[in-house]
Amino acid sequence: MQLLKNFEGLYGDKQHPFADGFIHHELLEVRSRLYDWDIDEHLHTDLVQVFVFSSGTGALFSERRRLELISPCVVLIPSNTLHGFSFQADMVGEVFTIREQMLEALFKHLPHILLEINQFKLFSFPTEDASLTKLHLLKEQLCEELMHEHAEKNTVLQLLLQQFWLQLYRISLAIDIPLPRSDNRTLAYFQAFQKAIRQSVNEVQSVQAYAAGLNITTVHLNRICQSLVQKSALQVIHGFVIGEARKYLTHTTYSLSEISYFLNFKDPAYFSRLFKKETGLSPGAYRKQTKK
């Protein structure tokens, strides 16, 4: 099975670009210049990216497809989507990287918006366009909030991200140009596996059960996970569960036993050992650290 280039963080990084946050902003040249403006095809398994290009030209690559980028334009890249770029050195733009889980939480009761926007898309605009102007205003507000430590920063960022995403949704309805869907079966299986884990977060199943739900063997599922994220299927499951536990420990006062119960662990001691193995800290130490 072919090994696909995957990054847990941004291109070239093995760690998420945010600590306990959910959105990161970076100017295009910061990273692209390091790689001579050529970014090889790669993917992110739980990150969504929005590239906003204001001037210059380049090319977008995905699974043997090449699309010309002529500014101003916006590229929306969902998780698990192979993509690469070749930019001219004068290309000016920026990129927002967002936790997929945050978008799912923000639009939990508006699934039609996620369905419309959770697609690989390229939006091209005339030089002067009212919808693009609105998007730029929201972009500047997001950048301003990210730069400072104001009261209720995360709350404001969530509200601004909602508005930014809704503006993308409106643009998509007006000029819907979805790019061809991936025909990579490995990616499709992994997406379905991730979705199944999220849907069963309060009743986590065995690897065998998830594989059966996908109509593949556990060996095949493990190979898929190894090829994409260099982890076993069980490690992928544990990673998601630990991510949910972090939220409970950071944002609630539930006890370890209660959190273990919510995440379908019958033995709090086992859950505590797993958490420490994955994070290097006991649940209590992690909670204390986040409260500082």
C-alpha atoms as a PDB file:
ATOM      1  CA  MET A   1       0.000   0.000   0.000  1.00  0.00           C
ATOM      2  CA  GLN A   2       1.465   3.348  -1.071  1.00  0.00           C
ATOM      3  CA  LEU A   3       2.588   5.602   1.782  1.00  0.00           C
ATOM      4  CA  LEU A   4       0.930   9.005   1.519  1.00  0.00           C
ATOM      5  CA  LYS A   5       2.602  12.109   2.894  1.00  0.00           C
ATOM      6  CA  ASN A   6       0.661  13.094   5.998  1.00  0.00           C
ATOM      7  CA  PHE A   7       1.284  15.869   8.527  1.00  0.00           C
ATOM      8  CA  GLU A   8      -0.378  16.179  11.921  1.00  0.00           C
ATOM      9  CA  GLY A   9       0.363  19.889  11.760  1.00  0.00           C
ATOM     10  CA  LEU A  10       1.081  22.225   8.881  1.00  0.00           C
ATOM     11  CA  TYR A  11       3.233  21.160   5.925  1.00  0.00           C
ATOM     12  CA  GLY A  12       6.520  19.829   7.298  1.00  0.00           C
ATOM     13  CA  ASP A  13       5.303  19.783  10.920  1.00  0.00           C
ATOM     14  CA  LYS A  14       4.465  16.780  13.084  1.00  0.00           C
ATOM     15  CA  GLN A  15       2.503  18.709  15.712  1.00  0.00           C
ATOM     16  CA  HIS A  16      -0.688  20.748  15.557  1.00  0.00           C
ATOM     17  CA  PRO A  17      -0.084  24.485  15.110  1.00  0.00           C
ATOM     18  CA  PHE A  18      -2.297  25.284  18.103  1.00  0.00           C
ATOM     19  CA  ALA A  19      -2.029  24.200  21.734  1.00  0.00           C
ATOM     20  CA  ASP A  20      -5.546  24.135  23.186  1.00  0.00           C
ATOM     21  CA  GLY A  21      -6.960  26.378  20.478  1.00  0.00           C
ATOM     22  CA  PHE A  22      -8.656  25.504  17.221  1.00  0.00           C
ATOM     23  CA  ILE A  23      -7.535  27.992  14.558  1.00  0.00           C
ATOM     24  CA  HIS A  24      -4.164  29.111  13.196  1.00  0.00           C
ATOM     25  CA  HIS A  25      -3.307  31.880  10.731  1.00  0.00           C
ATOM     26  CA  GLU A  26      -0.145  32.153   8.662  1.00  0.00           C
ATOM     27  CA  LEU A  27       1.013  34.276   5.734  1.00  0.00           C
ATOM     28  CA  LEU A  28       1.675  32.237   2.596  1.00  0.00           C
ATOM     29  CA  GLU A  29       5.302  33.251   2.256  1.00  0.00           C
ATOM     30  CA  VAL A  30       6.251  32.156   5.799  1.00  0.00           C
ATOM     31  CA  ARG A  31       6.146  28.449   4.924  1.00  0.00           C
ATOM     32  CA  SER A  32       6.250  28.469   1.115  1.00  0.00           C
ATOM     33  CA  ARG A  33       9.534  30.359   0.989  1.00  0.00           C
ATOM     34  CA  LEU A  34      11.168  27.553   3.033  1.00  0.00           C
ATOM     35  CA  TYR A  35      10.318  25.085   0.251  1.00  0.00           C
ATOM     36  CA  ASP A  36      11.126  27.345  -2.718  1.00  0.00           C
ATOM     37  CA  TRP A  37       7.393  27.932  -3.219  1.00  0.00           C
ATOM     38  CA  ASP A  38       6.731  24.271  -4.111  1.00  0.00           C
ATOM     39  CA  ILE A  39       4.586  22.209  -1.716  1.00  0.00           C
ATOM     40  CA  ASP A  40       4.428  18.468  -2.453  1.00  0.00           C
ATOM     41  CA  GLU A  41       1.089  16.653  -2.372  1.00  0.00           C
ATOM     42  CA  HIS A  42       0.128  15.796   1.185  1.00  0.00           C
ATOM     43  CA  LEU A  43      -2.887  15.627   3.477  1.00  0.00           C
ATOM     44  CA  HIS A  44      -4.050  16.408   7.008  1.00  0.00           C
ATOM     45  CA  THR A  45      -6.338  13.884   8.686  1.00  0.00           C
ATOM     46  CA  ASP A  46      -8.235  16.212  11.031  1.00  0.00           C
ATOM     47  CA  LEU A  47      -7.459  19.740   9.829  1.00  0.00           C
ATOM     48  CA  VAL A  48      -9.396  21.917   7.384  1.00  0.00           C
ATOM     49  CA  GLN A  49      -7.588  24.687   5.506  1.00  0.00           C
ATOM     50  CA  VAL A  50      -8.709  27.840   3.709  1.00  0.00           C
ATOM     51  CA  PHE A  51      -6.202  29.590   1.438  1.00  0.00           C
ATOM     52  CA  VAL A  52      -7.002  33.202   0.563  1.00  0.00           C
ATOM     53  CA  PHE A  53      -4.893  34.527  -2.326  1.00  0.00           C
ATOM     54  CA  SER A  54      -4.891  38.272  -2.981  1.00  0.00           C
ATOM     55  CA  SER A  55      -2.324  38.615  -5.802  1.00  0.00           C
ATOM     56  CA  GLY A  56      -0.065  36.538  -8.010  1.00  0.00           C
ATOM     57  CA  THR A  57      -0.491  33.174  -9.697  1.00  0.00           C
ATOM     58  CA  GLY A  58       0.235  29.548  -8.992  1.00  0.00           C
ATOM     59  CA  ALA A  59      -1.026  26.016  -9.470  1.00  0.00           C
ATOM     60  CA  LEU A  60      -2.966  23.584  -7.282  1.00  0.00           C
ATOM     61  CA  PHE A  61      -2.261  19.851  -7.599  1.00  0.00           C
ATOM     62  CA  SER A  62      -4.369  16.928  -6.422  1.00  0.00           C
ATOM     63  CA  GLU A  63      -4.095  13.324  -7.610  1.00  0.00           C
ATOM     64  CA  ARG A  64      -2.686  14.102 -11.071  1.00  0.00           C
ATOM     65  CA  ARG A  65      -4.970  17.107 -11.509  1.00  0.00           C
ATOM     66  CA  ARG A  66      -3.606  20.617 -12.019  1.00  0.00           C
ATOM     67  CA  LEU A  67      -5.675  23.766 -11.592  1.00  0.00           C
ATOM     68  CA  GLU A  68      -4.436  27.291 -12.255  1.00  0.00           C
ATOM     69  CA  LEU A  69      -4.667  29.773  -9.386  1.00  0.00           C
ATOM     70  CA  ILE A  70      -5.295  33.314 -10.554  1.00  0.00           C
ATOM     71  CA  SER A  71      -5.789  35.845  -7.778  1.00  0.00           C
ATOM     72  CA  PRO A  72      -8.029  36.858  -6.201  1.00  0.00           C
ATOM     73  CA  CYS A  73      -9.217  33.375  -5.333  1.00  0.00           C
ATOM     74  CA  VAL A  74      -9.958  31.129  -2.366  1.00  0.00           C
ATOM     75  CA  VAL A  75      -9.183  27.414  -2.013  1.00  0.00           C
ATOM     76  CA  LEU A  76     -11.034  25.271   0.513  1.00  0.00           C
ATOM     77  CA  ILE A  77      -9.341  22.007   1.486  1.00  0.00           C
ATOM     78  CA  PRO A  78     -11.229  19.545   3.736  1.00  0.00           C
ATOM     79  CA  SER A  79      -9.427  16.987   5.861  1.00  0.00           C
ATOM     80  CA  ASN A  80      -8.058  13.855   4.171  1.00  0.00           C
ATOM     81  CA  THR A  81      -7.658  15.655   0.844  1.00  0.00           C
ATOM     82  CA  LEU A  82      -4.458  15.272  -1.125  1.00  0.00           C
ATOM     83  CA  HIS A  83      -3.194  18.676  -2.231  1.00  0.00           C
ATOM     84  CA  GLY A  84       0.008  20.418  -3.261  1.00  0.00           C
ATOM     85  CA  PHE A  85       0.983  23.798  -4.678  1.00  0.00           C
ATOM     86  CA  SER A  86       3.472  25.507  -6.924  1.00  0.00           C
ATOM     87  CA  PHE A  87       3.492  29.267  -6.361  1.00  0.00           C
ATOM     88  CA  GLN A  88       5.156  32.092  -8.219  1.00  0.00           C
ATOM     89  CA  ALA A  89       7.520  33.912  -5.864  1.00  0.00           C
ATOM     90  CA  ASP A  90       5.317  37.011  -5.967  1.00  0.00           C
ATOM     91  CA  MET A  91       2.188  35.118  -4.852  1.00  0.00           C
ATOM     92  CA  VAL A  92       0.572  36.887  -1.881  1.00  0.00           C
ATOM     93  CA  GLY A  93      -1.893  35.103   0.353  1.00  0.00           C
ATOM     94  CA  GLU A  94      -2.592  33.540   3.721  1.00  0.00           C
ATOM     95  CA  VAL A  95      -3.927  30.326   5.144  1.00  0.00           C
ATOM     96  CA  PHE A  96      -6.272  29.509   8.010  1.00  0.00           C
ATOM     97  CA  THR A  97      -5.939  26.045   9.535  1.00  0.00           C
ATOM     98  CA  ILE A  98      -8.909  24.865  11.614  1.00  0.00           C
ATOM     99  CA  ARG A  99      -9.643  21.819  13.729  1.00  0.00           C
ATOM    100  CA  GLU A 100     -12.307  19.805  11.915  1.00  0.00           C
ATOM    101  CA  GLN A 101     -13.957  18.932  15.229  1.00  0.00           C
ATOM    102  CA  MET A 102     -14.519  22.614  16.010  1.00  0.00           C
ATOM    103  CA  LEU A 103     -16.367  23.148  12.730  1.00  0.00           C
ATOM    104  CA  GLU A 104     -18.489  20.078  13.429  1.00  0.00           C
ATOM    105  CA  ALA A 105     -19.336  21.465  16.864  1.00  0.00           C
ATOM    106  CA  LEU A 106     -20.134  24.968  15.578  1.00  0.00           C
ATOM    107  CA  PHE A 107     -22.501  23.638  12.912  1.00  0.00           C
ATOM    108  CA  LYS A 108     -23.829  20.603  14.744  1.00  0.00           C
ATOM    109  CA  HIS A 109     -27.420  21.735  14.180  1.00  0.00           C
ATOM    110  CA  LEU A 110     -26.799  22.996  10.628  1.00  0.00           C
ATOM    111  CA  PRO A 111     -25.486  19.871   8.866  1.00  0.00           C
ATOM    112  CA  HIS A 112     -26.454  21.181   5.417  1.00  0.00           C
ATOM    113  CA  ILE A 113     -23.804  23.907   5.786  1.00  0.00           C
ATOM    114  CA  LEU A 114     -21.078  21.398   6.608  1.00  0.00           C
ATOM    115  CA  LEU A 115     -22.214  19.182   3.754  1.00  0.00           C
ATOM    116  CA  GLU A 116     -21.980  22.068   1.280  1.00  0.00           C
ATOM    117  CA  ILE A 117     -18.662  23.448   2.518  1.00  0.00           C
ATOM    118  CA  ASN A 118     -16.892  20.205   3.377  1.00  0.00           C
ATOM    119  CA  GLN A 119     -15.769  19.797  -0.224  1.00  0.00           C
ATOM    120  CA  PHE A 120     -12.581  20.517  -2.129  1.00  0.00           C
ATOM    121  CA  LYS A 121     -13.330  23.862  -3.838  1.00  0.00           C
ATOM    122  CA  LEU A 122     -11.729  26.688  -5.752  1.00  0.00           C
ATOM    123  CA  PHE A 123     -13.522  30.056  -5.783  1.00  0.00           C
ATOM    124  CA  SER A 124     -12.371  32.634  -8.338  1.00  0.00           C
ATOM    125  CA  PHE A 125     -13.516  36.256  -8.183  1.00  0.00           C
ATOM    126  CA  PRO A 126     -13.450  39.391 -10.304  1.00  0.00           C
ATOM    127  CA  THR A 127     -11.050  42.009  -8.914  1.00  0.00           C
ATOM    128  CA  GLU A 128     -13.887  43.836  -7.168  1.00  0.00           C
ATOM    129  CA  ASP A 129     -16.471  41.555  -5.619  1.00  0.00           C
ATOM    130  CA  ALA A 130     -18.815  42.344  -2.724  1.00  0.00           C
ATOM    131  CA  SER A 131     -18.855  38.770  -1.353  1.00  0.00           C
ATOM    132  CA  LEU A 132     -15.055  38.626  -1.351  1.00  0.00           C
ATOM    133  CA  THR A 133     -14.907  42.019   0.384  1.00  0.00           C
ATOM    134  CA  LYS A 134     -17.116  40.666   3.193  1.00  0.00           C
ATOM    135  CA  LEU A 135     -14.916  37.594   3.498  1.00  0.00           C
ATOM    136  CA  HIS A 136     -11.810  39.798   3.732  1.00  0.00           C
ATOM    137  CA  LEU A 137     -13.394  41.891   6.505  1.00  0.00           C
ATOM    138  CA  LEU A 138     -14.121  38.768   8.537  1.00  0.00           C
ATOM    139  CA  LYS A 139     -10.606  37.501   7.816  1.00  0.00           C
ATOM    140  CA  GLU A 140      -9.122  40.705   9.213  1.00  0.00           C
ATOM    141  CA  GLN A 141     -11.283  40.454  12.327  1.00  0.00           C
ATOM    142  CA  LEU A 142     -10.110  36.880  12.895  1.00  0.00           C
ATOM    143  CA  CYS A 143      -6.474  37.936  12.495  1.00  0.00           C
ATOM    144  CA  GLU A 144      -6.932  40.855  14.884  1.00  0.00           C
ATOM    145  CA  GLU A 145      -8.461  38.607  17.543  1.00  0.00           C
ATOM    146  CA  LEU A 146      -5.742  35.975  17.141  1.00  0.00           C
ATOM    147  CA  MET A 147      -3.015  38.563  17.697  1.00  0.00           C
ATOM    148  CA  HIS A 148      -4.262  39.768  21.092  1.00  0.00           C
ATOM    149  CA  GLU A 149      -5.271  38.280  24.428  1.00  0.00           C
ATOM    150  CA  HIS A 150      -8.647  39.907  24.993  1.00  0.00           C
ATOM    151  CA  ALA A 151     -11.325  38.671  27.407  1.00  0.00           C
ATOM    152  CA  GLU A 152     -13.305  35.675  26.104  1.00  0.00           C
ATOM    153  CA  LYS A 153     -10.935  35.336  23.159  1.00  0.00           C
ATOM    154  CA  ASN A 154     -12.008  31.787  22.271  1.00  0.00           C
ATOM    155  CA  THR A 155     -15.693  32.717  22.362  1.00  0.00           C
ATOM    156  CA  VAL A 156     -15.139  35.651  20.009  1.00  0.00           C
ATOM    157  CA  LEU A 157     -13.010  33.496  17.702  1.00  0.00           C
ATOM    158  CA  GLN A 158     -15.764  30.890  17.511  1.00  0.00           C
ATOM    159  CA  LEU A 159     -18.357  33.533  16.617  1.00  0.00           C
ATOM    160  CA  LEU A 160     -16.095  35.072  13.976  1.00  0.00           C
ATOM    161  CA  LEU A 161     -15.263  31.633  12.551  1.00  0.00           C
ATOM    162  CA  GLN A 162     -18.985  30.893  12.279  1.00  0.00           C
ATOM    163  CA  GLN A 163     -19.525  34.107  10.325  1.00  0.00           C
ATOM    164  CA  PHE A 164     -16.475  33.425   8.132  1.00  0.00           C
ATOM    165  CA  TRP A 165     -17.758  29.909   7.372  1.00  0.00           C
ATOM    166  CA  LEU A 166     -21.275  31.171   6.666  1.00  0.00           C
ATOM    167  CA  GLN A 167     -19.841  33.677   4.191  1.00  0.00           C
ATOM    168  CA  LEU A 168     -17.976  30.825   2.465  1.00  0.00           C
ATOM    169  CA  TYR A 169     -21.268  28.927   2.402  1.00  0.00           C
ATOM    170  CA  ARG A 170     -23.037  31.836   0.685  1.00  0.00           C
ATOM    171  CA  ILE A 171     -20.209  32.185  -1.814  1.00  0.00           C
ATOM    172  CA  SER A 172     -20.400  28.451  -2.501  1.00  0.00           C
ATOM    173  CA  LEU A 173     -24.124  28.668  -3.233  1.00  0.00           C
ATOM    174  CA  ALA A 174     -23.531  31.551  -5.632  1.00  0.00           C
ATOM    175  CA  ILE A 175     -20.488  30.197  -7.465  1.00  0.00           C
ATOM    176  CA  ASP A 176     -20.355  26.506  -6.709  1.00  0.00           C
ATOM    177  CA  ILE A 177     -17.280  25.028  -8.362  1.00  0.00           C
ATOM    178  CA  PRO A 178     -16.488  21.764  -6.526  1.00  0.00           C
ATOM    179  CA  LEU A 179     -13.312  20.038  -7.586  1.00  0.00           C
ATOM    180  CA  PRO A 180     -13.516  16.354  -8.532  1.00  0.00           C
ATOM    181  CA  ARG A 181     -13.834  14.048  -5.546  1.00  0.00           C
ATOM    182  CA  SER A 182     -10.934  11.800  -4.710  1.00  0.00           C
ATOM    183  CA  ASP A 183     -11.078   8.302  -6.148  1.00  0.00           C
ATOM    184  CA  ASN A 184      -8.478   7.142  -3.627  1.00  0.00           C
ATOM    185  CA  ARG A 185     -10.094   4.231  -1.781  1.00  0.00           C
ATOM    186  CA  THR A 186      -7.572   4.397   1.054  1.00  0.00           C
ATOM    187  CA  LEU A 187      -8.643   7.964   1.858  1.00  0.00           C
ATOM    188  CA  ALA A 188     -12.326   7.091   1.532  1.00  0.00           C
ATOM    189  CA  TYR A 189     -12.018   4.208   4.001  1.00  0.00           C
ATOM    190  CA  PHE A 190     -10.055   6.319   6.463  1.00  0.00           C
ATOM    191  CA  GLN A 191     -12.628   9.136   6.286  1.00  0.00           C
ATOM    192  CA  ALA A 192     -15.409   6.644   6.961  1.00  0.00           C
ATOM    193  CA  PHE A 193     -13.430   5.159   9.869  1.00  0.00           C
ATOM    194  CA  GLN A 194     -12.931   8.601  11.445  1.00  0.00           C
ATOM    195  CA  LYS A 195     -16.601   9.438  11.001  1.00  0.00           C
ATOM    196  CA  ALA A 196     -17.652   6.159  12.629  1.00  0.00           C
ATOM    197  CA  ILE A 197     -15.410   6.860  15.641  1.00  0.00           C
ATOM    198  CA  ARG A 198     -16.887  10.342  16.082  1.00  0.00           C
ATOM    199  CA  GLN A 199     -20.436   9.047  15.847  1.00  0.00           C
ATOM    200  CA  SER A 200     -19.772   6.401  18.502  1.00  0.00           C
ATOM    201  CA  VAL A 201     -17.636   8.503  20.847  1.00  0.00           C
ATOM    202  CA  ASN A 202     -19.828   7.644  23.853  1.00  0.00           C
ATOM    203  CA  GLU A 203     -19.837   3.961  22.944  1.00  0.00           C
ATOM    204  CA  VAL A 204     -16.446   3.265  21.429  1.00  0.00           C
ATOM    205  CA  GLN A 205     -16.339  -0.014  19.541  1.00  0.00           C
ATOM    206  CA  SER A 206     -13.588  -2.525  18.883  1.00  0.00           C
ATOM    207  CA  VAL A 207     -11.343  -2.374  15.835  1.00  0.00           C
ATOM    208  CA  GLN A 208     -13.105  -5.502  14.570  1.00  0.00           C
ATOM    209  CA  ALA A 209     -16.505  -3.809  14.801  1.00  0.00           C
ATOM    210  CA  TYR A 210     -15.343  -0.698  12.930  1.00  0.00           C
ATOM    211  CA  ALA A 211     -13.724  -2.841  10.223  1.00  0.00           C
ATOM    212  CA  ALA A 212     -16.910  -4.885   9.852  1.00  0.00           C
ATOM    213  CA  GLY A 213     -18.897  -1.664   9.468  1.00  0.00           C
ATOM    214  CA  LEU A 214     -16.624  -0.724   6.561  1.00  0.00           C
ATOM    215  CA  ASN A 215     -16.859  -4.228   5.062  1.00  0.00           C
ATOM    216  CA  ILE A 216     -13.104  -4.729   5.260  1.00  0.00           C
ATOM    217  CA  THR A 217     -10.836  -6.879   7.436  1.00  0.00           C
ATOM    218  CA  THR A 218      -9.026  -5.606  10.522  1.00  0.00           C
ATOM    219  CA  VAL A 219      -5.740  -6.268   8.723  1.00  0.00           C
ATOM    220  CA  HIS A 220      -6.841  -4.009   5.858  1.00  0.00           C
ATOM    221  CA  LEU A 221      -7.999  -1.285   8.269  1.00  0.00           C
ATOM    222  CA  ASN A 222      -4.670  -1.383  10.091  1.00  0.00           C
ATOM    223  CA  ARG A 223      -2.785  -1.119   6.799  1.00  0.00           C
ATOM    224  CA  ILE A 224      -4.868   1.913   5.841  1.00  0.00           C
ATOM    225  CA  CYS A 225      -4.123   3.637   9.144  1.00  0.00           C
ATOM    226  CA  GLN A 226      -0.427   2.809   8.914  1.00  0.00           C
ATOM    227  CA  SER A 227      -0.201   4.175   5.372  1.00  0.00           C
ATOM    228  CA  LEU A 228      -1.862   7.482   6.288  1.00  0.00           C
ATOM    229  CA  VAL A 229      -0.906   8.289   9.866  1.00  0.00           C
ATOM    230  CA  GLN A 230       1.681   5.629  10.738  1.00  0.00           C
ATOM    231  CA  LYS A 231      -0.560   4.372  13.553  1.00  0.00           C
ATOM    232  CA  SER A 232      -2.592   1.240  14.156  1.00  0.00           C
ATOM    233  CA  ALA A 233      -6.381   1.429  14.025  1.00  0.00           C
ATOM    234  CA  LEU A 234      -6.485   1.064  17.820  1.00  0.00           C
ATOM    235  CA  GLN A 235      -4.088   3.998  18.218  1.00  0.00           C
ATOM    236  CA  VAL A 236      -6.336   6.124  16.000  1.00  0.00           C
ATOM    237  CA  ILE A 237      -9.319   5.246  18.212  1.00  0.00           C
ATOM    238  CA  HIS A 238      -7.365   6.006  21.379  1.00  0.00           C
ATOM    239  CA  GLY A 239      -6.143   9.301  19.934  1.00  0.00           C
ATOM    240  CA  PHE A 240      -9.693  10.466  19.346  1.00  0.00           C
ATOM    241  CA  VAL A 241     -10.881   9.329  22.778  1.00  0.00           C
ATOM    242  CA  ILE A 242      -7.976  11.115  24.488  1.00  0.00           C
ATOM    243  CA  GLY A 243      -8.865  14.247  22.511  1.00  0.00           C
ATOM    244  CA  GLU A 244     -12.404  14.078  23.916  1.00  0.00           C
ATOM    245  CA  ALA A 245     -11.027  13.494  27.420  1.00  0.00           C
ATOM    246  CA  ARG A 246      -8.867  16.618  27.122  1.00  0.00           C
ATOM    247  CA  LYS A 247     -12.024  18.657  26.449  1.00  0.00           C
ATOM    248  CA  TYR A 248     -13.771  17.278  29.528  1.00  0.00           C
ATOM    249  CA  LEU A 249     -10.723  17.879  31.724  1.00  0.00           C
ATOM    250  CA  THR A 250     -10.203  21.413  30.431  1.00  0.00           C
ATOM    251  CA  HIS A 251     -13.762  22.691  30.215  1.00  0.00           C
ATOM    252  CA  THR A 252     -15.728  20.784  32.885  1.00  0.00           C
ATOM    253  CA  THR A 253     -15.441  19.833  36.549  1.00  0.00           C
ATOM    254  CA  TYR A 254     -16.455  16.202  36.038  1.00  0.00           C
ATOM    255  CA  SER A 255     -14.422  13.664  38.007  1.00  0.00           C
ATOM    256  CA  LEU A 256     -12.126  11.160  36.311  1.00  0.00           C
ATOM    257  CA  SER A 257     -14.640   8.387  37.033  1.00  0.00           C
ATOM    258  CA  GLU A 258     -17.429  10.394  35.380  1.00  0.00           C
ATOM    259  CA  ILE A 259     -15.291  11.166  32.327  1.00  0.00           C
ATOM    260  CA  SER A 260     -14.321   7.491  32.053  1.00  0.00           C
ATOM    261  CA  TYR A 261     -18.020   6.603  32.135  1.00  0.00           C
ATOM    262  CA  PHE A 262     -18.905   9.185  29.463  1.00  0.00           C
ATOM    263  CA  LEU A 263     -16.220   7.722  27.194  1.00  0.00           C
ATOM    264  CA  ASN A 264     -17.359   4.152  27.839  1.00  0.00           C
ATOM    265  CA  PHE A 265     -14.366   3.055  29.924  1.00  0.00           C
ATOM    266  CA  LYS A 266     -15.528   0.758  32.705  1.00  0.00           C
ATOM    267  CA  ASP A 267     -12.221   0.980  34.599  1.00  0.00           C
ATOM    268  CA  PRO A 268     -11.081   4.544  35.496  1.00  0.00           C
ATOM    269  CA  ALA A 269      -7.633   3.215  36.426  1.00  0.00           C
ATOM    270  CA  TYR A 270      -7.144   1.757  32.930  1.00  0.00           C
ATOM    271  CA  PHE A 271      -8.360   5.001  31.389  1.00  0.00           C
ATOM    272  CA  SER A 272      -5.924   6.974  33.563  1.00  0.00           C
ATOM    273  CA  ARG A 273      -3.007   4.769  32.437  1.00  0.00           C
ATOM    274  CA  LEU A 274      -4.002   5.164  28.799  1.00  0.00           C
ATOM    275  CA  PHE A 275      -4.279   8.946  29.152  1.00  0.00           C
ATOM    276  CA  LYS A 276      -0.819   9.167  30.715  1.00  0.00           C
ATOM    277  CA  LYS A 277       0.657   6.911  28.043  1.00  0.00           C
ATOM    278  CA  GLU A 278      -0.774   9.135  25.280  1.00  0.00           C
ATOM    279  CA  THR A 279      -0.056  12.548  26.833  1.00  0.00           C
ATOM    280  CA  GLY A 280       2.761  12.006  29.318  1.00  0.00           C
ATOM    281  CA  LEU A 281       0.574  13.361  32.136  1.00  0.00           C
ATOM    282  CA  SER A 282      -2.014  11.847  34.425  1.00  0.00           C
ATOM    283  CA  PRO A 283      -5.546  13.252  33.957  1.00  0.00           C
ATOM    284  CA  GLY A 284      -5.217  15.148  37.250  1.00  0.00           C
ATOM    285  CA  ALA A 285      -1.868  16.674  36.287  1.00  0.00           C
ATOM    286  CA  TYR A 286      -3.218  17.601  32.856  1.00  0.00           C
ATOM    287  CA  ARG A 287      -6.258  19.341  34.388  1.00  0.00           C
ATOM    288  CA  LYS A 288      -4.046  21.220  36.866  1.00  0.00           C
ATOM    289  CA  GLN A 289      -1.737  22.344  34.043  1.00  0.00           C
ATOM    290  CA  THR A 290      -4.589  23.703  31.915  1.00  0.00           C
ATOM    291  CA  LYS A 291      -6.009  25.671  34.854  1.00  0.00           C
ATOM    292  CA  LYS A 292      -2.798  27.652  35.435  1.00  0.00           C
END
